[in-house]
Amino acid sequence: MITFSMVSMCWWRKNIIMMLLSLELLILSLFSMLVINMDMSTNSSLLIMLVIMISGSTMGLALMISMSHSHKSSNSMYINMLTFDKNNNYIYYINYFNKIITYNYNNNIYYNNNNNVLYM
């Protein structure tokens, strides 16, 4: 089950909701492995850990679903644009027409329209 969830996380990496559901399966399979291997005396602490893990993952899943609804797409490209790559001098924006705008530090703006790149 752990291998299946790890493979499905790699397989569904373009779709953020499926990737998070695969991560949820991984967390639950790790928890079930802990329950099987531990003593019966620590069941109360395992239940507290389960509640914290599930509440955190459902809150993260709800945030990702709301982000995918606001961007009208469940692709992980929009989530990756929120991070900044320190090796790359470009910052990516999405305007109202779902076109990706690239801005670098030399004050050059590039508009990416599908495969056409406009330089300004």
PDB file of N, CA and C in Angstrom:
ATOM      1  N   MET A   1       0.820  -1.194   0.000  1.00  0.00           N
ATOM      2  CA  MET A   1       0.000   0.000   0.000  1.00  0.00           C
ATOM      3  C   MET A   1       0.867   1.262   0.000  1.00  0.00           C
ATOM      4  N   ILE A   2       1.994   1.197   0.694  1.00  0.00           N
ATOM      5  CA  ILE A   2       2.904   2.345   0.715  1.00  0.00           C
ATOM      6  C   ILE A   2       3.502   2.560  -0.662  1.00  0.00           C
ATOM      7  N   THR A   3       3.908   1.467  -1.305  1.00  0.00           N
ATOM      8  CA  THR A   3       4.481   1.574  -2.649  1.00  0.00           C
ATOM      9  C   THR A   3       3.450   2.092  -3.638  1.00  0.00           C
ATOM     10  N   PHE A   4       2.226   1.623  -3.515  1.00  0.00           N
ATOM     11  CA  PHE A   4       1.158   2.080  -4.403  1.00  0.00           C
ATOM     12  C   PHE A   4       0.913   3.580  -4.254  1.00  0.00           C
ATOM     13  N   SER A   5       0.920   4.071  -3.018  1.00  0.00           N
ATOM     14  CA  SER A   5       0.680   5.503  -2.816  1.00  0.00           C
ATOM     15  C   SER A   5       1.855   6.344  -3.304  1.00  0.00           C
ATOM     16  N   MET A   6       3.085   5.835  -3.155  1.00  0.00           N
ATOM     17  CA  MET A   6       4.243   6.588  -3.652  1.00  0.00           C
ATOM     18  C   MET A   6       4.264   6.624  -5.177  1.00  0.00           C
ATOM     19  N   VAL A   7       3.927   5.502  -5.801  1.00  0.00           N
ATOM     20  CA  VAL A   7       3.880   5.464  -7.269  1.00  0.00           C
ATOM     21  C   VAL A   7       2.762   6.356  -7.791  1.00  0.00           C
ATOM     22  N   SER A   8       1.618   6.353  -7.120  1.00  0.00           N
ATOM     23  CA  SER A   8       0.515   7.199  -7.581  1.00  0.00           C
ATOM     24  C   SER A   8       0.813   8.681  -7.360  1.00  0.00           C
ATOM     25  N   MET A   9       1.609   9.017  -6.334  1.00  0.00           N
ATOM     26  CA  MET A   9       2.014  10.416  -6.167  1.00  0.00           C
ATOM     27  C   MET A   9       2.881  10.868  -7.328  1.00  0.00           C
ATOM     28  N   CYS A  10       3.789   9.991  -7.773  1.00  0.00           N
ATOM     29  CA  CYS A  10       4.625  10.334  -8.931  1.00  0.00           C
ATOM     30  C   CYS A  10       3.817  10.331 -10.220  1.00  0.00           C
ATOM     31  N   TRP A  11       2.840   9.442 -10.324  1.00  0.00           N
ATOM     32  CA  TRP A  11       2.048   9.333 -11.542  1.00  0.00           C
ATOM     33  C   TRP A  11       1.126  10.533 -11.717  1.00  0.00           C
ATOM     34  N   TRP A  12       0.524  11.022 -10.636  1.00  0.00           N
ATOM     35  CA  TRP A  12      -0.442  12.111 -10.706  1.00  0.00           C
ATOM     36  C   TRP A  12       0.182  13.448 -10.328  1.00  0.00           C
ATOM     37  N   ARG A  13       1.439  13.685 -10.635  1.00  0.00           N
ATOM     38  CA  ARG A  13       2.101  14.912 -10.187  1.00  0.00           C
ATOM     39  C   ARG A  13       1.609  16.161 -10.911  1.00  0.00           C
ATOM     40  N   LYS A  14       0.943  16.022 -12.035  1.00  0.00           N
ATOM     41  CA  LYS A  14       0.407  17.187 -12.747  1.00  0.00           C
ATOM     42  C   LYS A  14      -0.918  17.659 -12.160  1.00  0.00           C
ATOM     43  N   ASN A  15      -1.624  16.780 -11.478  1.00  0.00           N
ATOM     44  CA  ASN A  15      -2.924  17.113 -10.906  1.00  0.00           C
ATOM     45  C   ASN A  15      -2.776  17.182  -9.391  1.00  0.00           C
ATOM     46  N   ILE A  16      -2.954  18.364  -8.828  1.00  0.00           N
ATOM     47  CA  ILE A  16      -2.637  18.591  -7.418  1.00  0.00           C
ATOM     48  C   ILE A  16      -3.598  17.863  -6.488  1.00  0.00           C
ATOM     49  N   ILE A  17      -4.850  17.727  -6.862  1.00  0.00           N
ATOM     50  CA  ILE A  17      -5.820  17.078  -5.981  1.00  0.00           C
ATOM     51  C   ILE A  17      -5.546  15.579  -5.902  1.00  0.00           C
ATOM     52  N   MET A  18      -5.247  14.946  -7.023  1.00  0.00           N
ATOM     53  CA  MET A  18      -4.922  13.521  -7.004  1.00  0.00           C
ATOM     54  C   MET A  18      -3.612  13.267  -6.272  1.00  0.00           C
ATOM     55  N   MET A  19      -2.668  14.190  -6.392  1.00  0.00           N
ATOM     56  CA  MET A  19      -1.410  14.037  -5.679  1.00  0.00           C
ATOM     57  C   MET A  19      -1.621  14.125  -4.172  1.00  0.00           C
ATOM     58  N   LEU A  20      -2.485  15.032  -3.730  1.00  0.00           N
ATOM     59  CA  LEU A  20      -2.760  15.147  -2.299  1.00  0.00           C
ATOM     60  C   LEU A  20      -3.548  13.952  -1.769  1.00  0.00           C
ATOM     61  N   LEU A  21      -4.427  13.394  -2.579  1.00  0.00           N
ATOM     62  CA  LEU A  21      -5.123  12.176  -2.157  1.00  0.00           C
ATOM     63  C   LEU A  21      -4.159  10.999  -2.046  1.00  0.00           C
ATOM     64  N   SER A  22      -3.161  10.945  -2.925  1.00  0.00           N
ATOM     65  CA  SER A  22      -2.139   9.909  -2.820  1.00  0.00           C
ATOM     66  C   SER A  22      -1.297  10.101  -1.571  1.00  0.00           C
ATOM     67  N   LEU A  23      -1.024  11.350  -1.223  1.00  0.00           N
ATOM     68  CA  LEU A  23      -0.295  11.633   0.009  1.00  0.00           C
ATOM     69  C   LEU A  23      -1.116  11.231   1.227  1.00  0.00           C
ATOM     70  N   GLU A  24      -2.414  11.427   1.158  1.00  0.00           N
ATOM     71  CA  GLU A  24      -3.310  10.997   2.241  1.00  0.00           C
ATOM     72  C   GLU A  24      -3.274   9.477   2.401  1.00  0.00           C
ATOM     73  N   LEU A  25      -3.258   8.758   1.292  1.00  0.00           N
ATOM     74  CA  LEU A  25      -3.153   7.302   1.351  1.00  0.00           C
ATOM     75  C   LEU A  25      -1.824   6.879   1.949  1.00  0.00           C
ATOM     76  N   LEU A  26      -0.751   7.591   1.629  1.00  0.00           N
ATOM     77  CA  LEU A  26       0.559   7.285   2.195  1.00  0.00           C
ATOM     78  C   LEU A  26       0.576   7.501   3.702  1.00  0.00           C
ATOM     79  N   ILE A  27      -0.022   8.582   4.162  1.00  0.00           N
ATOM     80  CA  ILE A  27      -0.068   8.865   5.600  1.00  0.00           C
ATOM     81  C   ILE A  27      -0.888   7.802   6.334  1.00  0.00           C
ATOM     82  N   LEU A  28      -2.021   7.432   5.765  1.00  0.00           N
ATOM     83  CA  LEU A  28      -2.851   6.411   6.415  1.00  0.00           C
ATOM     84  C   LEU A  28      -2.185   5.040   6.415  1.00  0.00           C
ATOM     85  N   SER A  29      -1.454   4.709   5.353  1.00  0.00           N
ATOM     86  CA  SER A  29      -0.772   3.413   5.341  1.00  0.00           C
ATOM     87  C   SER A  29       0.393   3.394   6.323  1.00  0.00           C
ATOM     88  N   LEU A  30       1.102   4.514   6.472  1.00  0.00           N
ATOM     89  CA  LEU A  30       2.153   4.578   7.490  1.00  0.00           C
ATOM     90  C   LEU A  30       1.571   4.483   8.893  1.00  0.00           C
ATOM     91  N   PHE A  31       0.429   5.107   9.108  1.00  0.00           N
ATOM     92  CA  PHE A  31      -0.221   5.012  10.414  1.00  0.00           C
ATOM     93  C   PHE A  31      -0.665   3.590  10.712  1.00  0.00           C
ATOM     94  N   SER A  32      -1.226   2.911   9.721  1.00  0.00           N
ATOM     95  CA  SER A  32      -1.656   1.529   9.952  1.00  0.00           C
ATOM     96  C   SER A  32      -0.465   0.620  10.214  1.00  0.00           C
ATOM     97  N   MET A  33       0.670   0.899   9.582  1.00  0.00           N
ATOM     98  CA  MET A  33       1.873   0.124   9.865  1.00  0.00           C
ATOM     99  C   MET A  33       2.354   0.373  11.295  1.00  0.00           C
ATOM    100  N   LEU A  34       2.256   1.626  11.767  1.00  0.00           N
ATOM    101  CA  LEU A  34       2.619   1.922  13.153  1.00  0.00           C
ATOM    102  C   LEU A  34       1.690   1.228  14.141  1.00  0.00           C
ATOM    103  N   VAL A  35       0.409   1.187  13.843  1.00  0.00           N
ATOM    104  CA  VAL A  35      -0.559   0.544  14.735  1.00  0.00           C
ATOM    105  C   VAL A  35      -0.284  -0.948  14.844  1.00  0.00           C
ATOM    106  N   ILE A  36       0.047  -1.572  13.751  1.00  0.00           N
ATOM    107  CA  ILE A  36       0.296  -3.016  13.761  1.00  0.00           C
ATOM    108  C   ILE A  36       1.570  -3.345  14.537  1.00  0.00           C
ATOM    109  N   ASN A  37       2.600  -2.521  14.407  1.00  0.00           N
ATOM    110  CA  ASN A  37       3.888  -2.833  15.019  1.00  0.00           C
ATOM    111  C   ASN A  37       4.027  -2.373  16.464  1.00  0.00           C
ATOM    112  N   MET A  38       3.152  -1.536  16.988  1.00  0.00           N
ATOM    113  CA  MET A  38       3.304  -1.033  18.353  1.00  0.00           C
ATOM    114  C   MET A  38       2.445  -1.817  19.331  1.00  0.00           C
ATOM    115  N   ASP A  39       2.716  -1.589  20.620  1.00  0.00           N
ATOM    116  CA  ASP A  39       1.983  -2.277  21.687  1.00  0.00           C
ATOM    117  C   ASP A  39       0.574  -1.718  21.821  1.00  0.00           C
ATOM    118  N   MET A  40      -0.226  -2.421  22.603  1.00  0.00           N
ATOM    119  CA  MET A  40      -1.597  -1.982  22.850  1.00  0.00           C
ATOM    120  C   MET A  40      -1.669  -0.845  23.861  1.00  0.00           C
ATOM    121  N   SER A  41      -0.606  -0.612  24.621  1.00  0.00           N
ATOM    122  CA  SER A  41      -0.640   0.417  25.662  1.00  0.00           C
ATOM    123  C   SER A  41      -0.557   1.830  25.092  1.00  0.00           C
ATOM    124  N   THR A  42      -0.094   1.978  23.862  1.00  0.00           N
ATOM    125  CA  THR A  42       0.068   3.311  23.287  1.00  0.00           C
ATOM    126  C   THR A  42      -1.039   3.661  22.302  1.00  0.00           C
ATOM    127  N   ASN A  43      -2.169   3.004  22.407  1.00  0.00           N
ATOM    128  CA  ASN A  43      -3.261   3.262  21.468  1.00  0.00           C
ATOM    129  C   ASN A  43      -3.845   4.658  21.617  1.00  0.00           C
ATOM    130  N   SER A  44      -3.868   5.196  22.833  1.00  0.00           N
ATOM    131  CA  SER A  44      -4.430   6.540  23.008  1.00  0.00           C
ATOM    132  C   SER A  44      -3.556   7.595  22.341  1.00  0.00           C
ATOM    133  N   SER A  45      -2.246   7.450  22.428  1.00  0.00           N
ATOM    134  CA  SER A  45      -1.370   8.416  21.751  1.00  0.00           C
ATOM    135  C   SER A  45      -1.439   8.257  20.239  1.00  0.00           C
ATOM    136  N   LEU A  46      -1.648   7.026  19.771  1.00  0.00           N
ATOM    137  CA  LEU A  46      -1.810   6.813  18.332  1.00  0.00           C
ATOM    138  C   LEU A  46      -3.105   7.429  17.817  1.00  0.00           C
ATOM    139  N   LEU A  47      -4.152   7.396  18.612  1.00  0.00           N
ATOM    140  CA  LEU A  47      -5.410   8.022  18.197  1.00  0.00           C
ATOM    141  C   LEU A  47      -5.284   9.538  18.139  1.00  0.00           C
ATOM    142  N   ILE A  48      -4.559  10.117  19.087  1.00  0.00           N
ATOM    143  CA  ILE A  48      -4.322  11.562  19.049  1.00  0.00           C
ATOM    144  C   ILE A  48      -3.500  11.927  17.818  1.00  0.00           C
ATOM    145  N   MET A  49      -2.481  11.102  17.517  1.00  0.00           N
ATOM    146  CA  MET A  49      -1.667  11.348  16.330  1.00  0.00           C
ATOM    147  C   MET A  49      -2.508  11.221  15.060  1.00  0.00           C
ATOM    148  N   LEU A  50      -3.420  10.253  15.029  1.00  0.00           N
ATOM    149  CA  LEU A  50      -4.289  10.076  13.868  1.00  0.00           C
ATOM    150  C   LEU A  50      -5.194  11.280  13.664  1.00  0.00           C
ATOM    151  N   VAL A  51      -5.747  11.806  14.739  1.00  0.00           N
ATOM    152  CA  VAL A  51      -6.631  12.972  14.634  1.00  0.00           C
ATOM    153  C   VAL A  51      -5.863  14.180  14.116  1.00  0.00           C
ATOM    154  N   ILE A  52      -4.661  14.395  14.606  1.00  0.00           N
ATOM    155  CA  ILE A  52      -3.860  15.538  14.154  1.00  0.00           C
ATOM    156  C   ILE A  52      -3.456  15.375  12.696  1.00  0.00           C
ATOM    157  N   MET A  53      -3.055  14.154  12.304  1.00  0.00           N
ATOM    158  CA  MET A  53      -2.654  13.928  10.911  1.00  0.00           C
ATOM    159  C   MET A  53      -3.823  14.118   9.955  1.00  0.00           C
ATOM    160  N   ILE A  54      -4.967  13.586  10.292  1.00  0.00           N
ATOM    161  CA  ILE A  54      -6.120  13.684   9.402  1.00  0.00           C
ATOM    162  C   ILE A  54      -6.641  15.114   9.320  1.00  0.00           C
ATOM    163  N   SER A  55      -6.660  15.815  10.455  1.00  0.00           N
ATOM    164  CA  SER A  55      -7.150  17.200  10.408  1.00  0.00           C
ATOM    165  C   SER A  55      -6.205  18.097   9.616  1.00  0.00           C
ATOM    166  N   GLY A  56      -4.911  17.890   9.754  1.00  0.00           N
ATOM    167  CA  GLY A  56      -3.962  18.683   8.968  1.00  0.00           C
ATOM    168  C   GLY A  56      -4.043  18.391   7.487  1.00  0.00           C
ATOM    169  N   SER A  57      -4.181  17.118   7.143  1.00  0.00           N
ATOM    170  CA  SER A  57      -4.243  16.780   5.721  1.00  0.00           C
ATOM    171  C   SER A  57      -5.565  17.201   5.091  1.00  0.00           C
ATOM    172  N   THR A  58      -6.663  17.137   5.832  1.00  0.00           N
ATOM    173  CA  THR A  58      -7.928  17.599   5.250  1.00  0.00           C
ATOM    174  C   THR A  58      -7.953  19.115   5.107  1.00  0.00           C
ATOM    175  N   MET A  59      -7.308  19.821   6.030  1.00  0.00           N
ATOM    176  CA  MET A  59      -7.233  21.271   5.880  1.00  0.00           C
ATOM    177  C   MET A  59      -6.377  21.641   4.666  1.00  0.00           C
ATOM    178  N   GLY A  60      -5.263  20.934   4.475  1.00  0.00           N
ATOM    179  CA  GLY A  60      -4.441  21.175   3.293  1.00  0.00           C
ATOM    180  C   GLY A  60      -5.162  20.824   2.012  1.00  0.00           C
ATOM    181  N   LEU A  61      -5.909  19.727   2.031  1.00  0.00           N
ATOM    182  CA  LEU A  61      -6.676  19.335   0.852  1.00  0.00           C
ATOM    183  C   LEU A  61      -7.772  20.342   0.545  1.00  0.00           C
ATOM    184  N   ALA A  62      -8.421  20.865   1.580  1.00  0.00           N
ATOM    185  CA  ALA A  62      -9.458  21.881   1.366  1.00  0.00           C
ATOM    186  C   ALA A  62      -8.861  23.164   0.800  1.00  0.00           C
ATOM    187  N   LEU A  63      -7.676  23.547   1.272  1.00  0.00           N
ATOM    188  CA  LEU A  63      -7.020  24.737   0.723  1.00  0.00           C
ATOM    189  C   LEU A  63      -6.634  24.535  -0.735  1.00  0.00           C
ATOM    190  N   MET A  64      -6.124  23.350  -1.073  1.00  0.00           N
ATOM    191  CA  MET A  64      -5.737  23.091  -2.457  1.00  0.00           C
ATOM    192  C   MET A  64      -6.954  23.014  -3.371  1.00  0.00           C
ATOM    193  N   ILE A  65      -8.054  22.482  -2.880  1.00  0.00           N
ATOM    194  CA  ILE A  65      -9.277  22.443  -3.691  1.00  0.00           C
ATOM    195  C   ILE A  65      -9.807  23.849  -3.919  1.00  0.00           C
ATOM    196  N   SER A  66      -9.751  24.693  -2.889  1.00  0.00           N
ATOM    197  CA  SER A  66     -10.218  26.068  -3.078  1.00  0.00           C
ATOM    198  C   SER A  66      -9.299  26.836  -4.019  1.00  0.00           C
ATOM    199  N   MET A  67      -7.988  26.555  -3.976  1.00  0.00           N
ATOM    200  CA  MET A  67      -7.081  27.195  -4.932  1.00  0.00           C
ATOM    201  C   MET A  67      -7.345  26.723  -6.347  1.00  0.00           C
ATOM    202  N   SER A  68      -7.628  25.429  -6.514  1.00  0.00           N
ATOM    203  CA  SER A  68      -7.904  24.938  -7.860  1.00  0.00           C
ATOM    204  C   SER A  68      -9.236  25.462  -8.381  1.00  0.00           C
ATOM    205  N   HIS A  69     -10.200  25.698  -7.497  1.00  0.00           N
ATOM    206  CA  HIS A  69     -11.466  26.302  -7.933  1.00  0.00           C
ATOM    207  C   HIS A  69     -11.273  27.770  -8.293  1.00  0.00           C
ATOM    208  N   SER A  70     -10.408  28.467  -7.575  1.00  0.00           N
ATOM    209  CA  SER A  70     -10.206  29.884  -7.888  1.00  0.00           C
ATOM    210  C   SER A  70      -9.435  30.063  -9.188  1.00  0.00           C
ATOM    211  N   HIS A  71      -8.527  29.129  -9.512  1.00  0.00           N
ATOM    212  CA  HIS A  71      -7.788  29.207 -10.775  1.00  0.00           C
ATOM    213  C   HIS A  71      -8.493  28.472 -11.901  1.00  0.00           C
ATOM    214  N   LYS A  72      -9.618  27.827 -11.595  1.00  0.00           N
ATOM    215  CA  LYS A  72     -10.419  27.081 -12.569  1.00  0.00           C
ATOM    216  C   LYS A  72      -9.627  25.962 -13.246  1.00  0.00           C
ATOM    217  N   SER A  73      -8.656  25.412 -12.514  1.00  0.00           N
ATOM    218  CA  SER A  73      -7.866  24.307 -13.030  1.00  0.00           C
ATOM    219  C   SER A  73      -7.242  23.572 -11.855  1.00  0.00           C
ATOM    220  N   SER A  74      -7.094  22.265 -11.992  1.00  0.00           N
ATOM    221  CA  SER A  74      -6.446  21.497 -10.935  1.00  0.00           C
ATOM    222  C   SER A  74      -5.021  21.122 -11.306  1.00  0.00           C
ATOM    223  N   ASN A  75      -4.465  21.799 -12.303  1.00  0.00           N
ATOM    224  CA  ASN A  75      -3.076  21.548 -12.662  1.00  0.00           C
ATOM    225  C   ASN A  75      -2.158  22.090 -11.583  1.00  0.00           C
ATOM    226  N   SER A  76      -1.032  21.436 -11.389  1.00  0.00           N
ATOM    227  CA  SER A  76      -0.099  21.880 -10.359  1.00  0.00           C
ATOM    228  C   SER A  76       0.783  23.019 -10.850  1.00  0.00           C
ATOM    229  N   MET A  77       0.636  23.443 -12.115  1.00  0.00           N
ATOM    230  CA  MET A  77       1.432  24.546 -12.645  1.00  0.00           C
ATOM    231  C   MET A  77       1.140  25.838 -11.885  1.00  0.00           C
ATOM    232  N   TYR A  78      -0.113  26.069 -11.530  1.00  0.00           N
ATOM    233  CA  TYR A  78      -0.468  27.297 -10.829  1.00  0.00           C
ATOM    234  C   TYR A  78       0.069  27.298  -9.405  1.00  0.00           C
ATOM    235  N   ILE A  79       0.142  26.139  -8.786  1.00  0.00           N
ATOM    236  CA  ILE A  79       0.686  26.045  -7.437  1.00  0.00           C
ATOM    237  C   ILE A  79       2.190  26.254  -7.475  1.00  0.00           C
ATOM    238  N   ASN A  80       2.864  25.711  -8.493  1.00  0.00           N
ATOM    239  CA  ASN A  80       4.308  25.870  -8.602  1.00  0.00           C
ATOM    240  C   ASN A  80       4.701  27.308  -8.897  1.00  0.00           C
ATOM    241  N   MET A  81       3.811  28.091  -9.487  1.00  0.00           N
ATOM    242  CA  MET A  81       4.129  29.485  -9.772  1.00  0.00           C
ATOM    243  C   MET A  81       4.144  30.342  -8.517  1.00  0.00           C
ATOM    244  N   LEU A  82       3.534  29.858  -7.434  1.00  0.00           N
ATOM    245  CA  LEU A  82       3.543  30.620  -6.192  1.00  0.00           C
ATOM    246  C   LEU A  82       4.900  30.583  -5.510  1.00  0.00           C
ATOM    247  N   THR A  83       5.739  29.632  -5.871  1.00  0.00           N
ATOM    248  CA  THR A  83       7.074  29.549  -5.289  1.00  0.00           C
ATOM    249  C   THR A  83       8.049  30.308  -6.166  1.00  0.00           C
ATOM    250  N   PHE A  84       9.171  30.711  -5.592  1.00  0.00           N
ATOM    251  CA  PHE A  84      10.172  31.480  -6.322  1.00  0.00           C
ATOM    252  C   PHE A  84      11.437  30.658  -6.404  1.00  0.00           C
ATOM    253  N   ASP A  85      11.926  30.422  -7.605  1.00  0.00           N
ATOM    254  CA  ASP A  85      13.157  29.685  -7.821  1.00  0.00           C
ATOM    255  C   ASP A  85      14.325  30.654  -7.714  1.00  0.00           C
ATOM    256  N   LYS A  86      15.246  30.393  -6.797  1.00  0.00           N
ATOM    257  CA  LYS A  86      16.355  31.315  -6.580  1.00  0.00           C
ATOM    258  C   LYS A  86      17.392  31.248  -7.684  1.00  0.00           C
ATOM    259  N   ASN A  87      17.433  30.158  -8.442  1.00  0.00           N
ATOM    260  CA  ASN A  87      18.371  30.045  -9.548  1.00  0.00           C
ATOM    261  C   ASN A  87      17.845  30.703 -10.814  1.00  0.00           C
ATOM    262  N   ASN A  88      16.583  31.006 -10.841  1.00  0.00           N
ATOM    263  CA  ASN A  88      15.951  31.597 -12.007  1.00  0.00           C
ATOM    264  C   ASN A  88      15.553  33.026 -11.654  1.00  0.00           C
ATOM    265  N   ASN A  89      15.864  33.972 -12.510  1.00  0.00           N
ATOM    266  CA  ASN A  89      15.577  35.372 -12.223  1.00  0.00           C
ATOM    267  C   ASN A  89      14.194  35.800 -12.674  1.00  0.00           C
ATOM    268  N   TYR A  90      13.354  34.867 -13.035  1.00  0.00           N
ATOM    269  CA  TYR A  90      12.044  35.203 -13.564  1.00  0.00           C
ATOM    270  C   TYR A  90      10.972  35.009 -12.503  1.00  0.00           C
ATOM    271  N   ILE A  91      10.001  35.891 -12.493  1.00  0.00           N
ATOM    272  CA  ILE A  91       8.818  35.758 -11.656  1.00  0.00           C
ATOM    273  C   ILE A  91       7.634  35.607 -12.599  1.00  0.00           C
ATOM    274  N   TYR A  92       6.780  34.624 -12.335  1.00  0.00           N
ATOM    275  CA  TYR A  92       5.659  34.337 -13.213  1.00  0.00           C
ATOM    276  C   TYR A  92       4.366  34.878 -12.617  1.00  0.00           C
ATOM    277  N   TYR A  93       3.564  35.505 -13.451  1.00  0.00           N
ATOM    278  CA  TYR A  93       2.254  36.002 -13.052  1.00  0.00           C
ATOM    279  C   TYR A  93       1.215  35.442 -14.009  1.00  0.00           C
ATOM    280  N   ILE A  94      -0.008  35.384 -13.564  1.00  0.00           N
ATOM    281  CA  ILE A  94      -1.120  35.007 -14.435  1.00  0.00           C
ATOM    282  C   ILE A  94      -2.089  36.172 -14.442  1.00  0.00           C
ATOM    283  N   ASN A  95      -2.376  36.694 -15.640  1.00  0.00           N
ATOM    284  CA  ASN A  95      -3.300  37.817 -15.702  1.00  0.00           C
ATOM    285  C   ASN A  95      -4.732  37.304 -15.816  1.00  0.00           C
ATOM    286  N   TYR A  96      -5.650  38.213 -16.043  1.00  0.00           N
ATOM    287  CA  TYR A  96      -7.066  37.862 -16.037  1.00  0.00           C
ATOM    288  C   TYR A  96      -7.471  36.975 -17.204  1.00  0.00           C
ATOM    289  N   PHE A  97      -6.652  36.916 -18.241  1.00  0.00           N
ATOM    290  CA  PHE A  97      -6.996  36.135 -19.416  1.00  0.00           C
ATOM    291  C   PHE A  97      -6.293  34.785 -19.418  1.00  0.00           C
ATOM    292  N   ASN A  98      -5.791  34.336 -18.246  1.00  0.00           N
ATOM    293  CA  ASN A  98      -5.072  33.071 -18.084  1.00  0.00           C
ATOM    294  C   ASN A  98      -3.858  32.981 -18.996  1.00  0.00           C
ATOM    295  N   LYS A  99      -3.193  34.102 -19.220  1.00  0.00           N
ATOM    296  CA  LYS A  99      -1.944  34.110 -19.957  1.00  0.00           C
ATOM    297  C   LYS A  99      -0.816  34.314 -18.958  1.00  0.00           C
ATOM    298  N   ILE A 100       0.245  33.596 -19.147  1.00  0.00           N
ATOM    299  CA  ILE A 100       1.357  33.650 -18.208  1.00  0.00           C
ATOM    300  C   ILE A 100       2.255  34.820 -18.580  1.00  0.00           C
ATOM    301  N   ILE A 101       2.515  35.683 -17.612  1.00  0.00           N
ATOM    302  CA  ILE A 101       3.386  36.834 -17.812  1.00  0.00           C
ATOM    303  C   ILE A 101       4.675  36.572 -17.049  1.00  0.00           C
ATOM    304  N   THR A 102       5.803  36.690 -17.725  1.00  0.00           N
ATOM    305  CA  THR A 102       7.096  36.473 -17.104  1.00  0.00           C
ATOM    306  C   THR A 102       7.794  37.810 -16.943  1.00  0.00           C
ATOM    307  N   TYR A 103       8.323  38.064 -15.764  1.00  0.00           N
ATOM    308  CA  TYR A 103       9.006  39.319 -15.488  1.00  0.00           C
ATOM    309  C   TYR A 103      10.375  38.989 -14.920  1.00  0.00           C
ATOM    310  N   ASN A 104      11.437  39.536 -15.505  1.00  0.00           N
ATOM    311  CA  ASN A 104      12.749  39.318 -14.915  1.00  0.00           C
ATOM    312  C   ASN A 104      13.270  40.624 -14.334  1.00  0.00           C
ATOM    313  N   TYR A 105      14.437  40.557 -13.709  1.00  0.00           N
ATOM    314  CA  TYR A 105      14.938  41.706 -12.975  1.00  0.00           C
ATOM    315  C   TYR A 105      15.538  42.789 -13.863  1.00  0.00           C
ATOM    316  N   ASN A 106      15.654  42.548 -15.149  1.00  0.00           N
ATOM    317  CA  ASN A 106      16.166  43.572 -16.061  1.00  0.00           C
ATOM    318  C   ASN A 106      15.043  44.424 -16.624  1.00  0.00           C
ATOM    319  N   ASN A 107      13.889  44.386 -15.973  1.00  0.00           N
ATOM    320  CA  ASN A 107      12.694  45.139 -16.365  1.00  0.00           C
ATOM    321  C   ASN A 107      12.205  44.784 -17.761  1.00  0.00           C
ATOM    322  N   ASN A 108      12.387  43.562 -18.154  1.00  0.00           N
ATOM    323  CA  ASN A 108      11.841  43.070 -19.414  1.00  0.00           C
ATOM    324  C   ASN A 108      10.633  42.200 -19.096  1.00  0.00           C
ATOM    325  N   ILE A 109       9.565  42.405 -19.818  1.00  0.00           N
ATOM    326  CA  ILE A 109       8.344  41.635 -19.590  1.00  0.00           C
ATOM    327  C   ILE A 109       8.087  40.788 -20.827  1.00  0.00           C
ATOM    328  N   TYR A 110       7.841  39.503 -20.604  1.00  0.00           N
ATOM    329  CA  TYR A 110       7.527  38.583 -21.680  1.00  0.00           C
ATOM    330  C   TYR A 110       6.103  38.091 -21.488  1.00  0.00           C
ATOM    331  N   TYR A 111       5.306  38.128 -22.532  1.00  0.00           N
ATOM    332  CA  TYR A 111       3.957  37.575 -22.497  1.00  0.00           C
ATOM    333  C   TYR A 111       3.981  36.249 -23.238  1.00  0.00           C
ATOM    334  N   ASN A 112       3.641  35.185 -22.560  1.00  0.00           N
ATOM    335  CA  ASN A 112       3.613  33.868 -23.184  1.00  0.00           C
ATOM    336  C   ASN A 112       2.184  33.555 -23.601  1.00  0.00           C
ATOM    337  N   ASN A 113       1.922  33.550 -24.877  1.00  0.00           N
ATOM    338  CA  ASN A 113       0.606  33.189 -25.408  1.00  0.00           C
ATOM    339  C   ASN A 113       0.742  31.840 -26.101  1.00  0.00           C
ATOM    340  N   ASN A 114       0.383  30.793 -25.405  1.00  0.00           N
ATOM    341  CA  ASN A 114       0.527  29.414 -25.877  1.00  0.00           C
ATOM    342  C   ASN A 114       1.979  29.156 -26.270  1.00  0.00           C
ATOM    343  N   ASN A 115       2.324  29.182 -27.544  1.00  0.00           N
ATOM    344  CA  ASN A 115       3.707  28.957 -27.953  1.00  0.00           C
ATOM    345  C   ASN A 115       4.376  30.234 -28.443  1.00  0.00           C
ATOM    346  N   ASN A 116       3.658  31.337 -28.504  1.00  0.00           N
ATOM    347  CA  ASN A 116       4.218  32.599 -28.974  1.00  0.00           C
ATOM    348  C   ASN A 116       4.724  33.404 -27.790  1.00  0.00           C
ATOM    349  N   VAL A 117       5.907  33.972 -27.922  1.00  0.00           N
ATOM    350  CA  VAL A 117       6.487  34.786 -26.854  1.00  0.00           C
ATOM    351  C   VAL A 117       6.624  36.207 -27.377  1.00  0.00           C
ATOM    352  N   LEU A 118       6.020  37.152 -26.690  1.00  0.00           N
ATOM    353  CA  LEU A 118       6.114  38.558 -27.054  1.00  0.00           C
ATOM    354  C   LEU A 118       7.046  39.254 -26.079  1.00  0.00           C
ATOM    355  N   TYR A 119       7.953  40.072 -26.575  1.00  0.00           N
ATOM    356  CA  TYR A 119       8.929  40.760 -25.745  1.00  0.00           C
ATOM    357  C   TYR A 119       8.560  42.225 -25.651  1.00  0.00           C
ATOM    358  N   MET A 120       8.585  42.774 -24.446  1.00  0.00           N
ATOM    359  CA  MET A 120       8.305  44.197 -24.268  1.00  0.00           C
ATOM    360  C   MET A 120       9.391  44.810 -23.418  1.00  0.00           C
TER     361      MET A 120
END
